[in-house]
Amino acid sequence: MAKLNPYLNFDGTCEEAFNFYKTVFGGEFSYFSKMGDVADMEVSDEDRNLVMHVSLPIGNDILMGSDVPTSMKSQFKYGNNNYISFSPDTREEADRIFNELSAGGEIEMPMEEMFWGDYFGSFRDKYGTWWMINFNLVGNTA
């Protein structure tokens, strides 16, 4: 079965961001490497400690990310045109995730019951990543 996994790029803060995400969602990285760890790849001293790839399982999904190498920094843009939508199992979990991930960021829309039948909020976290937290109220009593 096909699966969609969000992939985030960072401007040197990937490791810090993913360690933060791990504290919010729990779990451990299923993969983590730095650019300097990759054999047979020429890497500048400036890029050696940048994250080559990280994977963090969250439920049945995987959040992945990396840092942008110095040679590509001119193309880097913070993820203001991408959101990660997270659908928790309970309203309480929706509030917890929203509050923890939005700390130090910018709230676009606070958690509220929406006309389409969901409890929803959106924000940009302190690393520039946009999130939507969406708990479906229809058929849920949690």
Protein backbone atom coordinates (compact mmCIF):
# COMPACT_ATOMS: atom_id res chain seq x y z
CA MET A 1 0.00 0.00 0.00
CA ALA A 2 1.27 3.48 -0.86
CA LYS A 3 2.16 5.75 2.03
CA LEU A 4 2.83 9.46 2.29
CA ASN A 5 5.63 10.55 4.62
CA PRO A 6 6.43 14.23 5.10
CA TYR A 7 10.04 15.26 4.53
CA LEU A 8 11.46 18.44 6.02
CA ASN A 9 14.58 20.36 5.05
CA PHE A 10 16.42 22.61 7.49
CA ASP A 11 19.10 25.27 7.34
CA GLY A 12 21.42 23.60 9.86
CA THR A 13 18.82 22.98 12.62
CA CYS A 14 17.57 19.52 11.58
CA GLU A 15 19.10 17.64 14.53
CA GLU A 16 17.78 20.17 17.05
CA ALA A 17 14.32 20.17 15.45
CA PHE A 18 14.05 16.38 15.33
CA ASN A 19 15.21 16.02 18.92
CA PHE A 20 12.45 18.45 19.83
CA TYR A 21 9.87 16.51 17.77
CA LYS A 22 11.02 13.31 19.49
CA THR A 23 10.29 14.85 22.92
CA VAL A 24 6.77 15.75 21.78
CA PHE A 25 5.82 12.52 19.97
CA GLY A 26 8.05 10.03 21.81
CA GLY A 27 9.87 7.13 20.21
CA GLU A 28 13.35 6.85 18.79
CA PHE A 29 14.92 7.61 15.43
CA SER A 30 14.77 4.64 13.09
CA TYR A 31 17.64 6.19 11.10
CA PHE A 32 20.05 9.05 11.78
CA SER A 33 23.19 10.04 9.88
CA LYS A 34 25.31 13.11 9.36
CA MET A 35 26.88 14.11 6.06
CA GLY A 36 30.36 13.36 7.41
CA ASP A 37 29.28 9.77 8.22
CA VAL A 38 28.70 8.82 4.59
CA ALA A 39 31.62 6.89 3.11
CA ASP A 40 32.77 7.74 -0.41
CA MET A 41 31.09 11.15 -0.33
CA GLU A 42 33.14 14.31 -0.50
CA VAL A 43 31.88 16.69 2.17
CA SER A 44 33.20 20.11 3.11
CA ASP A 45 34.30 20.67 6.71
CA GLU A 46 31.41 23.13 6.98
CA ASP A 47 28.87 20.40 6.09
CA ARG A 48 30.30 17.41 8.01
CA ASN A 49 28.00 17.86 11.03
CA LEU A 50 24.85 18.57 9.06
CA VAL A 51 22.14 15.89 9.09
CA MET A 52 22.18 13.75 5.95
CA HIS A 53 18.94 11.94 6.85
CA VAL A 54 16.77 11.31 9.90
CA SER A 55 13.60 9.22 10.27
CA LEU A 56 11.25 9.44 13.25
CA PRO A 57 8.37 6.94 13.36
CA ILE A 58 5.15 8.53 14.64
CA GLY A 59 2.31 6.03 14.87
CA ASN A 60 2.11 4.33 11.47
CA ASP A 61 3.87 7.20 9.70
CA ILE A 62 7.45 8.41 9.45
CA LEU A 63 8.61 12.02 9.69
CA MET A 64 11.85 12.44 7.74
CA GLY A 65 14.28 15.29 7.33
CA SER A 66 17.74 16.59 6.49
CA ASP A 67 19.84 19.74 6.45
CA VAL A 68 20.51 21.56 3.21
CA PRO A 69 24.21 21.45 2.25
CA THR A 70 26.05 24.75 1.92
CA SER A 71 26.05 24.49 -1.88
CA MET A 72 22.21 24.54 -1.88
CA LYS A 73 21.54 27.18 0.81
CA SER A 74 20.67 29.84 -1.75
CA GLN A 75 17.69 27.66 -2.80
CA PHE A 76 16.53 27.01 0.77
CA LYS A 77 13.19 28.50 1.86
CA TYR A 78 11.51 27.87 5.20
CA GLY A 79 8.51 25.57 4.83
CA ASN A 80 5.85 28.24 4.68
CA ASN A 81 4.20 26.53 1.70
CA ASN A 82 4.04 23.10 3.40
CA TYR A 83 2.05 21.85 6.34
CA ILE A 84 2.22 18.62 8.20
CA SER A 85 -1.24 17.49 9.19
CA PHE A 86 -1.40 15.41 12.37
CA SER A 87 -4.63 13.67 13.40
CA PRO A 88 -4.48 12.48 17.02
CA ASP A 89 -6.77 9.90 18.63
CA THR A 90 -8.28 12.21 21.27
CA ARG A 91 -9.14 15.85 21.77
CA GLU A 92 -6.81 15.95 24.80
CA GLU A 93 -3.93 14.67 22.67
CA ALA A 94 -4.77 17.32 20.05
CA ASP A 95 -4.41 20.01 22.71
CA ARG A 96 -1.17 18.55 24.07
CA ILE A 97 0.48 18.24 20.66
CA PHE A 98 -0.71 21.71 19.62
CA ASN A 99 0.56 23.34 22.82
CA GLU A 100 3.93 21.60 22.84
CA LEU A 101 4.75 21.98 19.15
CA SER A 102 3.59 25.60 18.94
CA ALA A 103 5.70 26.70 21.94
CA GLY A 104 8.05 29.43 20.74
CA GLY A 105 6.38 29.53 17.33
CA GLU A 106 3.55 31.50 15.73
CA ILE A 107 -0.08 30.42 16.11
CA GLU A 108 -2.00 30.93 12.90
CA MET A 109 -5.32 29.53 14.14
CA PRO A 110 -5.94 28.41 17.74
CA MET A 111 -7.58 25.05 18.45
CA GLU A 112 -11.31 25.48 17.86
CA GLU A 113 -14.30 23.45 16.77
CA MET A 114 -14.72 24.10 13.07
CA PHE A 115 -17.77 24.26 10.83
CA TRP A 116 -16.66 21.11 9.03
CA GLY A 117 -16.95 19.04 12.22
CA ASP A 118 -13.34 18.90 13.40
CA TYR A 119 -11.38 20.36 16.30
CA PHE A 120 -8.61 22.14 14.44
CA GLY A 121 -5.67 24.50 14.85
CA SER A 122 -2.61 25.54 12.86
CA PHE A 123 0.73 27.17 13.57
CA ARG A 124 4.36 27.55 12.54
CA ASP A 125 6.77 25.97 15.02
CA LYS A 126 9.96 27.64 16.19
CA TYR A 127 11.87 25.94 13.33
CA GLY A 128 9.67 27.42 10.57
CA THR A 129 7.61 24.27 9.90
CA TRP A 130 3.84 24.72 9.46
CA TRP A 131 1.53 22.25 11.25
CA MET A 132 -2.20 21.48 11.27
CA ILE A 133 -3.66 19.56 14.21
CA ASN A 134 -6.98 18.01 13.25
CA PHE A 135 -9.21 15.90 15.52
CA ASN A 136 -12.40 14.61 13.90
CA LEU A 137 -15.34 15.31 16.24
CA VAL A 138 -17.91 13.44 14.15
CA GLY A 139 -18.38 10.02 15.68
CA ASN A 140 -15.79 10.64 18.42
CA THR A 141 -16.71 11.20 22.04
CA ALA A 142 -13.12 11.39 23.28
